[in-house]
C-alpha atoms as a PDB file:
ATOM      1  CA  MET A   1       5.705   9.840   6.829  1.00  0.00           C
ATOM      2  CA  ARG A   2       6.988  10.153  10.372  1.00  0.00           C
ATOM      3  CA  SER A   3       8.221   7.118  12.285  1.00  0.00           C
ATOM      4  CA  LYS A   4       5.631   4.642  10.946  1.00  0.00           C
ATOM      5  CA  ILE A   5       7.873   1.568  10.811  1.00  0.00           C
ATOM      6  CA  ASN A   6       9.624   2.544  14.031  1.00  0.00           C
ATOM      7  CA  HIS A   7       6.285   2.687  15.853  1.00  0.00           C
ATOM      8  CA  GLU A   8       4.230  -0.012  14.124  1.00  0.00           C
ATOM      9  CA  ILE A   9       6.732  -2.828  14.627  1.00  0.00           C
ATOM     10  CA  ASP A  10       8.141  -1.419  17.861  1.00  0.00           C
ATOM     11  CA  ILE A  11      11.749  -0.930  16.765  1.00  0.00           C
ATOM     12  CA  GLY A  12      12.335   1.509  19.616  1.00  0.00           C
ATOM     13  CA  CYS A  13      14.691   3.809  17.727  1.00  0.00           C
ATOM     14  CA  GLU A  14      15.188   7.322  19.161  1.00  0.00           C
ATOM     15  CA  LEU A  15      14.131   8.911  15.915  1.00  0.00           C
ATOM     16  CA  LYS A  16      13.613  12.576  15.119  1.00  0.00           C
ATOM     17  CA  VAL A  17      12.118  13.495  11.739  1.00  0.00           C
ATOM     18  CA  ILE A  18      12.910  16.998  10.482  1.00  0.00           C
ATOM     19  CA  PRO A  19      10.154  18.261   8.157  1.00  0.00           C
ATOM     20  CA  MET A  20      11.058  19.853   4.838  1.00  0.00           C
ATOM     21  CA  THR A  21       9.904  23.326   3.920  1.00  0.00           C
ATOM     22  CA  HIS A  22       8.538  24.732   0.646  1.00  0.00           C
ATOM     23  CA  TRP A  23       7.314  21.334  -0.586  1.00  0.00           C
ATOM     24  CA  ASN A  24       3.963  19.613  -0.912  1.00  0.00           C
ATOM     25  CA  ARG A  25       2.977  16.058  -1.788  1.00  0.00           C
ATOM     26  CA  GLU A  26       1.625  16.959  -5.231  1.00  0.00           C
ATOM     27  CA  GLN A  27       4.988  18.253  -6.464  1.00  0.00           C
ATOM     28  CA  TRP A  28       7.307  16.327  -8.746  1.00  0.00           C
ATOM     29  CA  TYR A  29      11.001  16.882  -8.148  1.00  0.00           C
ATOM     30  CA  ASP A  30      11.471  19.024 -11.246  1.00  0.00           C
ATOM     31  CA  GLU A  31       8.737  21.342  -9.933  1.00  0.00           C
ATOM     32  CA  THR A  32      10.806  22.247  -6.870  1.00  0.00           C
ATOM     33  CA  GLY A  33      13.446  24.201  -8.792  1.00  0.00           C
ATOM     34  CA  LEU A  34      16.181  22.042  -7.264  1.00  0.00           C
ATOM     35  CA  PRO A  35      18.885  20.401  -9.417  1.00  0.00           C
ATOM     36  CA  TRP A  36      18.699  16.639  -9.879  1.00  0.00           C
ATOM     37  CA  VAL A  37      21.542  14.825  -8.108  1.00  0.00           C
ATOM     38  CA  PRO A  38      21.720  11.156  -9.203  1.00  0.00           C
ATOM     39  CA  PRO A  39      21.295   8.953  -6.098  1.00  0.00           C
ATOM     40  CA  SER A  40      22.894   6.094  -8.068  1.00  0.00           C
ATOM     41  CA  PRO A  41      24.899   5.761 -11.300  1.00  0.00           C
ATOM     42  CA  ASN A  42      21.882   3.885 -12.671  1.00  0.00           C
ATOM     43  CA  MET A  43      19.425   6.624 -11.678  1.00  0.00           C
ATOM     44  CA  PRO A  44      20.777   9.437 -13.887  1.00  0.00           C
ATOM     45  CA  THR A  45      17.540  11.372 -14.381  1.00  0.00           C
ATOM     46  CA  LEU A  46      14.118  11.963 -12.894  1.00  0.00           C
ATOM     47  CA  ASP A  47      12.723   9.960 -15.826  1.00  0.00           C
ATOM     48  CA  THR A  48      14.553   6.923 -14.431  1.00  0.00           C
ATOM     49  CA  ALA A  49      13.022   7.471 -10.999  1.00  0.00           C
ATOM     50  CA  VAL A  50       9.516   7.633 -12.490  1.00  0.00           C
ATOM     51  CA  VAL A  51       9.747   4.170 -14.067  1.00  0.00           C
ATOM     52  CA  TYR A  52      11.963   2.515 -11.442  1.00  0.00           C
ATOM     53  CA  PRO A  53       9.214   1.503  -8.931  1.00  0.00           C
ATOM     54  CA  GLY A  54       8.036  -1.018 -11.514  1.00  0.00           C
ATOM     55  CA  MET A  55      11.045  -1.594 -13.732  1.00  0.00           C
ATOM     56  CA  CYS A  56      13.190  -2.715 -10.808  1.00  0.00           C
ATOM     57  CA  LEU A  57      11.341  -6.049 -11.236  1.00  0.00           C
ATOM     58  CA  ILE A  58      13.385  -6.583 -14.413  1.00  0.00           C
ATOM     59  CA  GLU A  59      16.352  -7.186 -12.102  1.00  0.00           C
ATOM     60  CA  GLY A  60      14.611 -10.400 -11.033  1.00  0.00           C
ATOM     61  CA  THR A  61      14.805 -11.759 -14.580  1.00  0.00           C
ATOM     62  CA  GLN A  62      17.498 -12.574 -17.145  1.00  0.00           C
ATOM     63  CA  LEU A  63      16.359  -9.572 -19.204  1.00  0.00           C
ATOM     64  CA  SER A  64      18.626  -6.551 -19.470  1.00  0.00           C
ATOM     65  CA  GLU A  65      17.166  -3.678 -17.468  1.00  0.00           C
ATOM     66  CA  GLY A  66      19.247  -1.242 -19.500  1.00  0.00           C
ATOM     67  CA  ARG A  67      22.251  -1.125 -17.197  1.00  0.00           C
ATOM     68  CA  GLY A  68      25.187  -0.294 -19.422  1.00  0.00           C
ATOM     69  CA  THR A  69      23.116   2.109 -21.526  1.00  0.00           C
ATOM     70  CA  THR A  70      22.459   5.815 -21.074  1.00  0.00           C
ATOM     71  CA  ARG A  71      18.833   5.091 -20.140  1.00  0.00           C
ATOM     72  CA  PRO A  72      18.835   2.339 -17.497  1.00  0.00           C
ATOM     73  CA  PHE A  73      15.372   1.062 -16.531  1.00  0.00           C
ATOM     74  CA  GLU A  74      13.839   2.966 -19.432  1.00  0.00           C
ATOM     75  CA  ASN A  75      15.508   0.521 -21.836  1.00  0.00           C
ATOM     76  CA  PHE A  76      15.003  -3.206 -21.453  1.00  0.00           C
ATOM     77  CA  GLY A  77      15.278  -6.294 -23.600  1.00  0.00           C
ATOM     78  CA  ALA A  78      17.193  -9.444 -24.513  1.00  0.00           C
ATOM     79  CA  PRO A  79      18.881 -10.927 -27.588  1.00  0.00           C
ATOM     80  CA  TYR A  80      15.895 -13.167 -28.370  1.00  0.00           C
ATOM     81  CA  ILE A  81      13.250 -10.422 -28.434  1.00  0.00           C
ATOM     82  CA  ASP A  82      11.768  -9.012 -31.639  1.00  0.00           C
ATOM     83  CA  PRO A  83      10.962  -5.436 -30.543  1.00  0.00           C
ATOM     84  CA  HIS A  84       8.239  -4.894 -33.135  1.00  0.00           C
ATOM     85  CA  LYS A  85       6.505  -8.128 -32.189  1.00  0.00           C
ATOM     86  CA  LEU A  86       6.670  -7.162 -28.511  1.00  0.00           C
ATOM     87  CA  LEU A  87       5.290  -3.693 -29.251  1.00  0.00           C
ATOM     88  CA  GLN A  88       2.360  -5.185 -31.135  1.00  0.00           C
ATOM     89  CA  ARG A  89       1.601  -7.476 -28.186  1.00  0.00           C
ATOM     90  CA  ILE A  90       1.913  -4.847 -25.419  1.00  0.00           C
ATOM     91  CA  GLU A  91      -0.371  -2.432 -27.261  1.00  0.00           C
ATOM     92  CA  ASN A  92      -3.201  -4.861 -26.486  1.00  0.00           C
ATOM     93  CA  ASP A  93      -2.957  -3.909 -22.798  1.00  0.00           C
ATOM     94  CA  PRO A  94      -4.672  -0.685 -21.660  1.00  0.00           C
ATOM     95  CA  LEU A  95      -1.723   0.961 -19.885  1.00  0.00           C
ATOM     96  CA  PRO A  96      -2.275   4.633 -19.021  1.00  0.00           C
ATOM     97  CA  GLY A  97       0.272   7.412 -19.425  1.00  0.00           C
ATOM     98  CA  VAL A  98       2.918   5.501 -21.370  1.00  0.00           C
ATOM     99  CA  LEU A  99       4.146   4.774 -24.890  1.00  0.00           C
ATOM    100  CA  PHE A 100       6.813   2.320 -26.065  1.00  0.00           C
ATOM    101  CA  ARG A 101       9.440   2.626 -28.779  1.00  0.00           C
ATOM    102  CA  PRO A 102      10.858  -0.536 -30.364  1.00  0.00           C
ATOM    103  CA  GLN A 103      14.637  -0.574 -30.465  1.00  0.00           C
ATOM    104  CA  PHE A 104      17.877  -2.555 -30.516  1.00  0.00           C
ATOM    105  CA  PHE A 105      20.652  -1.729 -28.070  1.00  0.00           C
ATOM    106  CA  GLN A 106      23.957  -3.095 -26.797  1.00  0.00           C
ATOM    107  CA  PRO A 107      24.633  -2.854 -23.051  1.00  0.00           C
ATOM    108  CA  MET A 108      28.214  -1.822 -22.285  1.00  0.00           C
ATOM    109  CA  PHE A 109      28.224  -3.899 -19.096  1.00  0.00           C
ATOM    110  CA  GLN A 110      26.078  -6.141 -16.886  1.00  0.00           C
ATOM    111  CA  LYS A 111      23.487  -8.474 -18.461  1.00  0.00           C
ATOM    112  CA  HIS A 112      24.046  -9.296 -22.154  1.00  0.00           C
ATOM    113  CA  SER A 113      27.075  -7.003 -22.264  1.00  0.00           C
ATOM    114  CA  GLY A 114      28.166  -6.415 -25.843  1.00  0.00           C
ATOM    115  CA  GLU A 115      25.211  -8.345 -27.266  1.00  0.00           C
ATOM    116  CA  THR A 116      22.536  -6.835 -29.460  1.00  0.00           C
ATOM    117  CA  CYS A 117      19.276  -6.852 -27.536  1.00  0.00           C
ATOM    118  CA  GLY A 118      15.827  -6.289 -28.937  1.00  0.00           C
ATOM    119  CA  GLY A 119      13.417  -4.495 -26.664  1.00  0.00           C
ATOM    120  CA  LEU A 120      11.510  -1.341 -25.943  1.00  0.00           C
ATOM    121  CA  GLN A 121      12.186   2.087 -24.519  1.00  0.00           C
ATOM    122  CA  ILE A 122       9.563   3.416 -22.127  1.00  0.00           C
ATOM    123  CA  HIS A 123       8.264   6.928 -22.719  1.00  0.00           C
ATOM    124  CA  VAL A 124       6.037   8.227 -19.918  1.00  0.00           C
ATOM    125  CA  THR A 125       3.513  10.664 -21.395  1.00  0.00           C
ATOM    126  CA  ASP A 126       1.531  11.414 -18.226  1.00  0.00           C
ATOM    127  CA  ARG A 127       3.322  10.949 -14.911  1.00  0.00           C
ATOM    128  CA  ASN A 128       0.126  11.296 -12.917  1.00  0.00           C
ATOM    129  CA  GLN A 129      -1.655   8.526 -14.819  1.00  0.00           C
ATOM    130  CA  PHE A 130       1.309   6.191 -15.318  1.00  0.00           C
ATOM    131  CA  LYS A 131       1.288   2.964 -13.274  1.00  0.00           C
ATOM    132  CA  PRO A 132       4.904   1.768 -13.072  1.00  0.00           C
ATOM    133  CA  LEU A 133       4.283  -1.555 -11.329  1.00  0.00           C
ATOM    134  CA  LEU A 134       1.337  -2.596 -13.486  1.00  0.00           C
ATOM    135  CA  THR A 135       3.195  -1.520 -16.629  1.00  0.00           C
ATOM    136  CA  THR A 136       6.236  -3.645 -15.822  1.00  0.00           C
ATOM    137  CA  ILE A 137       4.102  -6.666 -14.972  1.00  0.00           C
ATOM    138  CA  ALA A 138       2.303  -6.266 -18.303  1.00  0.00           C
ATOM    139  CA  LEU A 139       5.669  -6.220 -20.073  1.00  0.00           C
ATOM    140  CA  LEU A 140       6.868  -9.333 -18.250  1.00  0.00           C
ATOM    141  CA  ARG A 141       3.614 -11.114 -19.059  1.00  0.00           C
ATOM    142  CA  ALA A 142       3.894 -10.172 -22.736  1.00  0.00           C
ATOM    143  CA  ILE A 143       7.475 -11.469 -22.967  1.00  0.00           C
ATOM    144  CA  ALA A 144       6.563 -14.660 -21.105  1.00  0.00           C
ATOM    145  CA  GLU A 145       3.719 -15.251 -23.573  1.00  0.00           C
ATOM    146  CA  LEU A 146       5.820 -14.570 -26.669  1.00  0.00           C
ATOM    147  CA  TYR A 147       8.991 -16.336 -25.543  1.00  0.00           C
ATOM    148  CA  PRO A 148       8.061 -18.977 -22.938  1.00  0.00           C
ATOM    149  CA  LYS A 149      11.187 -21.049 -23.633  1.00  0.00           C
ATOM    150  CA  ASP A 150      13.581 -18.097 -23.460  1.00  0.00           C
ATOM    151  CA  PHE A 151      12.158 -16.000 -20.622  1.00  0.00           C
ATOM    152  CA  LYS A 152      13.935 -16.891 -17.371  1.00  0.00           C
ATOM    153  CA  TRP A 153      13.974 -15.672 -13.789  1.00  0.00           C
ATOM    154  CA  ARG A 154      17.240 -14.674 -12.191  1.00  0.00           C
ATOM    155  CA  THR A 155      18.583 -17.485  -9.983  1.00  0.00           C
ATOM    156  CA  GLU A 156      21.728 -15.837  -8.562  1.00  0.00           C
ATOM    157  CA  PRO A 157      21.604 -14.319  -5.046  1.00  0.00           C
ATOM    158  CA  TYR A 158      20.184 -10.802  -5.060  1.00  0.00           C
ATOM    159  CA  GLU A 159      21.091  -8.046  -2.572  1.00  0.00           C
ATOM    160  CA  PHE A 160      22.878 -10.624  -0.395  1.00  0.00           C
ATOM    161  CA  VAL A 161      19.689 -12.734  -0.147  1.00  0.00           C
ATOM    162  CA  SER A 162      20.013 -16.359  -1.267  1.00  0.00           C
ATOM    163  CA  ASP A 163      17.033 -18.123   0.338  1.00  0.00           C
ATOM    164  CA  ARG A 164      14.521 -17.015  -2.308  1.00  0.00           C
ATOM    165  CA  LEU A 165      14.484 -15.927  -5.934  1.00  0.00           C
ATOM    166  CA  ALA A 166      15.157 -12.283  -6.679  1.00  0.00           C
ATOM    167  CA  ILE A 167      11.711 -11.783  -8.225  1.00  0.00           C
ATOM    168  CA  ASP A 168       9.995 -13.032  -5.056  1.00  0.00           C
ATOM    169  CA  LEU A 169      12.084 -10.633  -2.980  1.00  0.00           C
ATOM    170  CA  LEU A 170      11.352  -7.700  -5.280  1.00  0.00           C
ATOM    171  CA  TYR A 171       7.639  -8.385  -5.697  1.00  0.00           C
ATOM    172  CA  GLY A 172       7.147  -9.292  -2.045  1.00  0.00           C
ATOM    173  CA  ASN A 173       5.766 -12.795  -2.513  1.00  0.00           C
ATOM    174  CA  THR A 174       5.630 -15.672  -5.014  1.00  0.00           C
ATOM    175  CA  ALA A 175       2.323 -14.730  -6.667  1.00  0.00           C
ATOM    176  CA  LEU A 176       3.774 -13.034  -9.744  1.00  0.00           C
ATOM    177  CA  ARG A 177       6.284 -15.792 -10.499  1.00  0.00           C
ATOM    178  CA  LYS A 178       3.779 -18.589  -9.983  1.00  0.00           C
ATOM    179  CA  ASN A 179       0.979 -17.043 -12.017  1.00  0.00           C
ATOM    180  CA  ILE A 180       2.617 -15.216 -14.903  1.00  0.00           C
ATOM    181  CA  PHE A 181       2.452 -18.267 -17.193  1.00  0.00           C
ATOM    182  CA  ASN A 182      -1.111 -19.214 -16.214  1.00  0.00           C
ATOM    183  CA  ASP A 183      -3.804 -18.828 -18.864  1.00  0.00           C
ATOM    184  CA  SER A 184      -6.071 -17.266 -16.232  1.00  0.00           C
ATOM    185  CA  PHE A 185      -3.579 -14.477 -15.510  1.00  0.00           C
ATOM    186  CA  THR A 186      -5.011 -10.996 -16.071  1.00  0.00           C
ATOM    187  CA  LEU A 187      -3.701  -7.567 -15.154  1.00  0.00           C
ATOM    188  CA  ARG A 188      -7.090  -6.667 -13.671  1.00  0.00           C
ATOM    189  CA  ASN A 189      -7.096  -9.650 -11.314  1.00  0.00           C
ATOM    190  CA  LEU A 190      -3.526  -9.020 -10.236  1.00  0.00           C
ATOM    191  CA  GLU A 191      -4.154  -5.333  -9.565  1.00  0.00           C
ATOM    192  CA  GLU A 192      -7.307  -6.182  -7.607  1.00  0.00           C
ATOM    193  CA  SER A 193      -5.378  -8.734  -5.533  1.00  0.00           C
ATOM    194  CA  TRP A 194      -3.320  -6.091  -3.780  1.00  0.00           C
ATOM    195  CA  GLN A 195      -6.047  -3.455  -3.285  1.00  0.00           C
ATOM    196  CA  GLN A 196      -7.119  -4.574   0.207  1.00  0.00           C
ATOM    197  CA  GLU A 197      -3.563  -4.569   1.520  1.00  0.00           C
ATOM    198  CA  LEU A 198      -2.989  -1.212  -0.148  1.00  0.00           C
ATOM    199  CA  ASN A 199      -6.082   0.269   1.483  1.00  0.00           C
ATOM    200  CA  ASN A 200      -5.028  -1.100   4.878  1.00  0.00           C
ATOM    201  CA  PHE A 201      -1.595   0.457   4.452  1.00  0.00           C
ATOM    202  CA  LYS A 202      -3.089   3.830   3.539  1.00  0.00           C
ATOM    203  CA  GLU A 203      -5.239   3.815   6.687  1.00  0.00           C
ATOM    204  CA  VAL A 204      -2.212   3.225   8.889  1.00  0.00           C
ATOM    205  CA  ARG A 205      -0.149   5.701   6.888  1.00  0.00           C
ATOM    206  CA  ASN A 206      -2.628   8.509   7.565  1.00  0.00           C
ATOM    207  CA  ASN A 207      -1.524   8.519  11.204  1.00  0.00           C
ATOM    208  CA  TYR A 208       2.009   9.477  10.235  1.00  0.00           C
ATOM    209  CA  LEU A 209       1.811  11.820   7.266  1.00  0.00           C
ATOM    210  CA  ILE A 210       3.367  15.226   7.913  1.00  0.00           C
ATOM    211  CA  TYR A 211       2.798  16.706   4.448  1.00  0.00           C
END
């Protein structure tokens, strides 16, 4: 997109956007022929980037998001989780383009460092069908259902923000945190709840797309 935010909320920045060449919107990074350069120590591969738009929500919980392993954000879990029980539960949700492998792992640092965690590894089988945000929410819901006394939100300040919980900052509002334990919670209802805002965003976005 060109200067959408700059224009829509009247920032007034003297911004010049330089278009790329030899790229189109349908391409994945590994289809460009360019080498992958990790933008972060915890984004070592393109596989990480594919799952990250959803799995970053794990940072708003006390679950390990796989930091301290060789597959951050593809691995996740906690010491109290039975991976096989979690796999059996998550297979009840119709999640496209993804499979899960039960596993135990020990993070070298960060959350649950040195502890044996039970959890799953995410394997994306179809990048074009995979829904990273919906998949992560389904995983959080499954863990909250199975382990309601153990599952906890992160309470420490996150990204220098201390006036709200990390999960509310990451998700954008309090809806996920307030509803995830409700019996009426469904993935369909949650996905439908953001469709109108998504459609509105796409309409505005069309004015700024350059690819």
